[in-house]
Amino acid sequence: RERKDARVLERTVKFAARHLMSADSIVKLMYAEKMVGMLNALRDVLPEAALHESVRTAKILLDDIVEKPLILDAGHDLATHGLKDKRALN
């Protein structure tokens, strides 16, 4: 928020677009939430093309979570996310 460097968001979006489609639902959700937070913080300094690409990538991640069955890695502690079971994530 203080440094206003758009490169962080651009690199996060590139990583998410390349590597996260095979990740589990919690990881996709965390990345999408963080990207939206970065979008809000960097809205003033972000070029329009980067803004559109970031929103598009976050939307793809969120749509993928909604459309496909929930996939949770057994290593995730759901209690840290305020969830009791997989149904709570729905």
N, C-alpha and C. Protein backbone atom coordinates (compact mmCIF):
# COMPACT_ATOMS: atom_id res chain seq x y z
N ARG A 1 0.81 -1.20 0.00
CA ARG A 1 0.00 0.00 0.00
C ARG A 1 0.85 1.25 0.00
N GLU A 2 1.96 1.22 0.71
CA GLU A 2 2.78 2.43 0.81
C GLU A 2 3.70 2.62 -0.38
N ARG A 3 4.19 1.52 -0.97
CA ARG A 3 5.21 1.64 -2.01
C ARG A 3 4.64 1.83 -3.40
N LYS A 4 3.43 1.38 -3.64
CA LYS A 4 2.74 1.55 -4.92
C LYS A 4 3.57 1.09 -6.12
N ASP A 5 4.07 -0.13 -6.04
CA ASP A 5 4.84 -0.71 -7.13
C ASP A 5 3.98 -1.77 -7.82
N ALA A 6 3.61 -1.53 -9.06
CA ALA A 6 2.70 -2.41 -9.79
C ALA A 6 3.35 -3.73 -10.21
N ARG A 7 4.68 -3.81 -10.15
CA ARG A 7 5.36 -5.03 -10.57
C ARG A 7 4.98 -6.24 -9.72
N VAL A 8 4.69 -6.01 -8.45
CA VAL A 8 4.32 -7.12 -7.56
C VAL A 8 3.04 -7.77 -8.07
N LEU A 9 2.05 -6.96 -8.38
CA LEU A 9 0.79 -7.50 -8.88
C LEU A 9 0.97 -8.16 -10.24
N GLU A 10 1.71 -7.53 -11.13
CA GLU A 10 1.92 -8.09 -12.46
C GLU A 10 2.60 -9.46 -12.39
N ARG A 11 3.57 -9.61 -11.52
CA ARG A 11 4.27 -10.90 -11.38
C ARG A 11 3.39 -11.94 -10.72
N THR A 12 2.57 -11.51 -9.77
CA THR A 12 1.63 -12.43 -9.13
C THR A 12 0.61 -12.94 -10.13
N VAL A 13 0.12 -12.06 -10.98
CA VAL A 13 -0.85 -12.44 -12.01
C VAL A 13 -0.23 -13.42 -12.99
N LYS A 14 0.99 -13.16 -13.42
CA LYS A 14 1.66 -14.08 -14.35
C LYS A 14 1.85 -15.45 -13.72
N PHE A 15 2.25 -15.49 -12.45
CA PHE A 15 2.43 -16.76 -11.77
C PHE A 15 1.09 -17.49 -11.65
N ALA A 16 0.06 -16.78 -11.26
CA ALA A 16 -1.25 -17.40 -11.08
C ALA A 16 -1.78 -17.95 -12.40
N ALA A 17 -1.62 -17.20 -13.47
CA ALA A 17 -2.11 -17.65 -14.77
C ALA A 17 -1.38 -18.90 -15.26
N ARG A 18 -0.11 -19.02 -14.94
CA ARG A 18 0.69 -20.15 -15.43
C ARG A 18 0.59 -21.39 -14.56
N HIS A 19 0.51 -21.21 -13.24
CA HIS A 19 0.73 -22.35 -12.34
C HIS A 19 -0.45 -22.73 -11.45
N LEU A 20 -1.45 -21.92 -11.32
CA LEU A 20 -2.46 -22.20 -10.30
C LEU A 20 -3.67 -22.98 -10.75
N MET A 21 -3.83 -23.24 -12.02
CA MET A 21 -5.03 -23.96 -12.45
C MET A 21 -5.03 -25.40 -11.96
N SER A 22 -3.89 -25.93 -11.60
CA SER A 22 -3.84 -27.29 -11.08
C SER A 22 -3.80 -27.31 -9.55
N ALA A 23 -3.84 -26.14 -8.92
CA ALA A 23 -3.80 -26.07 -7.45
C ALA A 23 -5.15 -26.42 -6.85
N ASP A 24 -5.17 -26.62 -5.54
CA ASP A 24 -6.43 -26.93 -4.90
C ASP A 24 -7.25 -25.65 -4.67
N SER A 25 -8.48 -25.82 -4.24
CA SER A 25 -9.42 -24.71 -4.16
C SER A 25 -9.01 -23.65 -3.15
N ILE A 26 -8.44 -24.04 -2.02
CA ILE A 26 -8.02 -23.07 -1.00
C ILE A 26 -6.91 -22.18 -1.55
N VAL A 27 -5.94 -22.75 -2.24
CA VAL A 27 -4.83 -21.97 -2.79
C VAL A 27 -5.35 -20.99 -3.83
N LYS A 28 -6.23 -21.44 -4.71
CA LYS A 28 -6.81 -20.54 -5.72
C LYS A 28 -7.56 -19.40 -5.06
N LEU A 29 -8.32 -19.71 -4.02
CA LEU A 29 -9.09 -18.70 -3.32
C LEU A 29 -8.18 -17.69 -2.63
N MET A 30 -7.12 -18.16 -2.01
CA MET A 30 -6.18 -17.24 -1.35
C MET A 30 -5.52 -16.31 -2.36
N TYR A 31 -5.08 -16.87 -3.48
CA TYR A 31 -4.46 -16.03 -4.51
C TYR A 31 -5.45 -15.00 -5.06
N ALA A 32 -6.68 -15.42 -5.34
CA ALA A 32 -7.67 -14.50 -5.87
C ALA A 32 -7.95 -13.37 -4.87
N GLU A 33 -8.08 -13.70 -3.59
CA GLU A 33 -8.33 -12.68 -2.57
C GLU A 33 -7.17 -11.70 -2.47
N LYS A 34 -5.95 -12.21 -2.48
CA LYS A 34 -4.78 -11.33 -2.40
C LYS A 34 -4.66 -10.45 -3.64
N MET A 35 -4.98 -11.00 -4.81
CA MET A 35 -4.92 -10.21 -6.03
C MET A 35 -5.94 -9.08 -6.00
N VAL A 36 -7.14 -9.35 -5.51
CA VAL A 36 -8.15 -8.31 -5.41
C VAL A 36 -7.71 -7.23 -4.41
N GLY A 37 -7.10 -7.64 -3.33
CA GLY A 37 -6.57 -6.67 -2.37
C GLY A 37 -5.48 -5.79 -2.98
N MET A 38 -4.60 -6.41 -3.75
CA MET A 38 -3.55 -5.64 -4.42
C MET A 38 -4.15 -4.70 -5.47
N LEU A 39 -5.18 -5.17 -6.16
CA LEU A 39 -5.86 -4.31 -7.14
C LEU A 39 -6.41 -3.06 -6.47
N ASN A 40 -7.03 -3.23 -5.33
CA ASN A 40 -7.57 -2.08 -4.61
C ASN A 40 -6.47 -1.12 -4.17
N ALA A 41 -5.35 -1.65 -3.72
CA ALA A 41 -4.26 -0.82 -3.23
C ALA A 41 -3.51 -0.12 -4.37
N LEU A 42 -3.43 -0.76 -5.53
CA LEU A 42 -2.62 -0.23 -6.64
C LEU A 42 -3.47 0.37 -7.77
N ARG A 43 -4.73 0.54 -7.54
CA ARG A 43 -5.64 1.01 -8.59
C ARG A 43 -5.16 2.32 -9.23
N ASP A 44 -4.54 3.20 -8.45
CA ASP A 44 -4.12 4.52 -8.96
C ASP A 44 -2.94 4.44 -9.91
N VAL A 45 -2.02 3.53 -9.67
CA VAL A 45 -0.77 3.49 -10.44
C VAL A 45 -0.74 2.38 -11.48
N LEU A 46 -1.76 1.56 -11.53
CA LEU A 46 -1.77 0.41 -12.43
C LEU A 46 -2.19 0.83 -13.84
N PRO A 47 -1.40 0.45 -14.86
CA PRO A 47 -1.84 0.72 -16.24
C PRO A 47 -3.14 -0.03 -16.53
N GLU A 48 -3.93 0.51 -17.43
CA GLU A 48 -5.25 -0.07 -17.70
C GLU A 48 -5.16 -1.51 -18.20
N ALA A 49 -4.17 -1.81 -19.03
CA ALA A 49 -4.02 -3.18 -19.53
C ALA A 49 -3.71 -4.15 -18.39
N ALA A 50 -2.85 -3.74 -17.47
CA ALA A 50 -2.52 -4.59 -16.33
C ALA A 50 -3.72 -4.75 -15.41
N LEU A 51 -4.52 -3.71 -15.27
CA LEU A 51 -5.73 -3.78 -14.47
C LEU A 51 -6.69 -4.81 -15.04
N HIS A 52 -6.92 -4.77 -16.34
CA HIS A 52 -7.82 -5.72 -16.98
C HIS A 52 -7.30 -7.15 -16.89
N GLU A 53 -6.01 -7.33 -17.09
CA GLU A 53 -5.42 -8.66 -17.01
C GLU A 53 -5.54 -9.22 -15.59
N SER A 54 -5.33 -8.39 -14.59
CA SER A 54 -5.44 -8.82 -13.20
C SER A 54 -6.86 -9.22 -12.85
N VAL A 55 -7.82 -8.43 -13.26
CA VAL A 55 -9.23 -8.74 -12.99
C VAL A 55 -9.63 -10.02 -13.72
N ARG A 56 -9.18 -10.17 -14.96
CA ARG A 56 -9.50 -11.36 -15.74
C ARG A 56 -8.93 -12.62 -15.09
N THR A 57 -7.69 -12.56 -14.61
CA THR A 57 -7.07 -13.72 -13.99
C THR A 57 -7.77 -14.07 -12.67
N ALA A 58 -8.10 -13.07 -11.86
CA ALA A 58 -8.82 -13.33 -10.61
C ALA A 58 -10.19 -13.94 -10.90
N LYS A 59 -10.86 -13.47 -11.94
CA LYS A 59 -12.17 -14.01 -12.31
C LYS A 59 -12.05 -15.46 -12.77
N ILE A 60 -11.02 -15.77 -13.52
CA ILE A 60 -10.81 -17.15 -13.98
C ILE A 60 -10.60 -18.07 -12.78
N LEU A 61 -9.79 -17.64 -11.81
CA LEU A 61 -9.57 -18.45 -10.62
C LEU A 61 -10.87 -18.67 -9.84
N LEU A 62 -11.62 -17.60 -9.64
CA LEU A 62 -12.87 -17.72 -8.88
C LEU A 62 -13.90 -18.55 -9.63
N ASP A 63 -14.00 -18.38 -10.93
CA ASP A 63 -14.93 -19.19 -11.72
C ASP A 63 -14.55 -20.66 -11.66
N ASP A 64 -13.26 -20.95 -11.68
CA ASP A 64 -12.80 -22.33 -11.63
C ASP A 64 -13.17 -22.97 -10.28
N ILE A 65 -13.07 -22.20 -9.21
CA ILE A 65 -13.45 -22.71 -7.90
C ILE A 65 -14.94 -23.04 -7.86
N VAL A 66 -15.74 -22.17 -8.44
CA VAL A 66 -17.19 -22.34 -8.40
C VAL A 66 -17.64 -23.49 -9.29
N GLU A 67 -17.07 -23.60 -10.48
CA GLU A 67 -17.55 -24.57 -11.47
C GLU A 67 -17.12 -26.01 -11.17
N LYS A 68 -15.94 -26.21 -10.64
CA LYS A 68 -15.43 -27.55 -10.42
C LYS A 68 -15.72 -28.01 -8.99
N PRO A 69 -15.67 -29.32 -8.76
CA PRO A 69 -15.81 -29.80 -7.38
C PRO A 69 -14.67 -29.27 -6.52
N LEU A 70 -14.94 -29.08 -5.25
CA LEU A 70 -13.90 -28.59 -4.35
C LEU A 70 -12.81 -29.62 -4.19
N ILE A 71 -11.59 -29.17 -4.35
CA ILE A 71 -10.43 -30.03 -4.19
C ILE A 71 -9.59 -29.43 -3.08
N LEU A 72 -9.43 -30.16 -1.99
CA LEU A 72 -8.64 -29.68 -0.86
C LEU A 72 -7.49 -30.64 -0.61
N ASP A 73 -6.32 -30.06 -0.52
CA ASP A 73 -5.14 -30.85 -0.18
C ASP A 73 -5.27 -31.28 1.28
N ALA A 74 -4.92 -32.48 1.56
CA ALA A 74 -5.04 -33.01 2.93
C ALA A 74 -4.16 -32.25 3.91
N GLY A 75 -3.17 -31.54 3.43
CA GLY A 75 -2.26 -30.82 4.30
C GLY A 75 -2.80 -29.50 4.81
N HIS A 76 -3.92 -29.02 4.29
CA HIS A 76 -4.48 -27.75 4.74
C HIS A 76 -5.20 -27.91 6.07
N ASP A 77 -4.92 -27.03 6.99
CA ASP A 77 -5.63 -27.00 8.26
C ASP A 77 -6.82 -26.05 8.07
N LEU A 78 -8.00 -26.60 7.95
CA LEU A 78 -9.18 -25.80 7.66
C LEU A 78 -9.53 -24.86 8.81
N ALA A 79 -9.16 -25.20 10.03
CA ALA A 79 -9.50 -24.36 11.18
C ALA A 79 -8.82 -23.00 11.09
N THR A 80 -7.64 -22.92 10.49
CA THR A 80 -6.95 -21.64 10.36
C THR A 80 -7.69 -20.70 9.42
N HIS A 81 -8.53 -21.24 8.56
CA HIS A 81 -9.33 -20.43 7.64
C HIS A 81 -10.75 -20.22 8.16
N GLY A 82 -11.01 -20.65 9.38
CA GLY A 82 -12.33 -20.49 9.96
C GLY A 82 -13.35 -21.48 9.42
N LEU A 83 -12.89 -22.63 8.93
CA LEU A 83 -13.76 -23.63 8.35
C LEU A 83 -13.74 -24.90 9.19
N LYS A 84 -14.90 -25.53 9.32
CA LYS A 84 -14.99 -26.79 10.04
C LYS A 84 -14.79 -27.99 9.13
N ASP A 85 -15.33 -27.89 7.91
CA ASP A 85 -15.22 -28.99 6.96
C ASP A 85 -15.34 -28.43 5.54
N LYS A 86 -15.33 -29.33 4.54
CA LYS A 86 -15.41 -28.89 3.15
C LYS A 86 -16.74 -28.21 2.84
N ARG A 87 -17.80 -28.59 3.52
CA ARG A 87 -19.10 -27.97 3.28
C ARG A 87 -19.09 -26.49 3.64
N ALA A 88 -18.34 -26.12 4.65
CA ALA A 88 -18.26 -24.71 5.05
C ALA A 88 -17.61 -23.87 3.96
N LEU A 89 -16.71 -24.45 3.19
CA LEU A 89 -16.08 -23.72 2.10
C LEU A 89 -17.07 -23.41 0.99
N ASN A 90 -18.02 -24.29 0.77
CA ASN A 90 -19.04 -24.04 -0.25
C ASN A 90 -19.79 -22.77 0.07
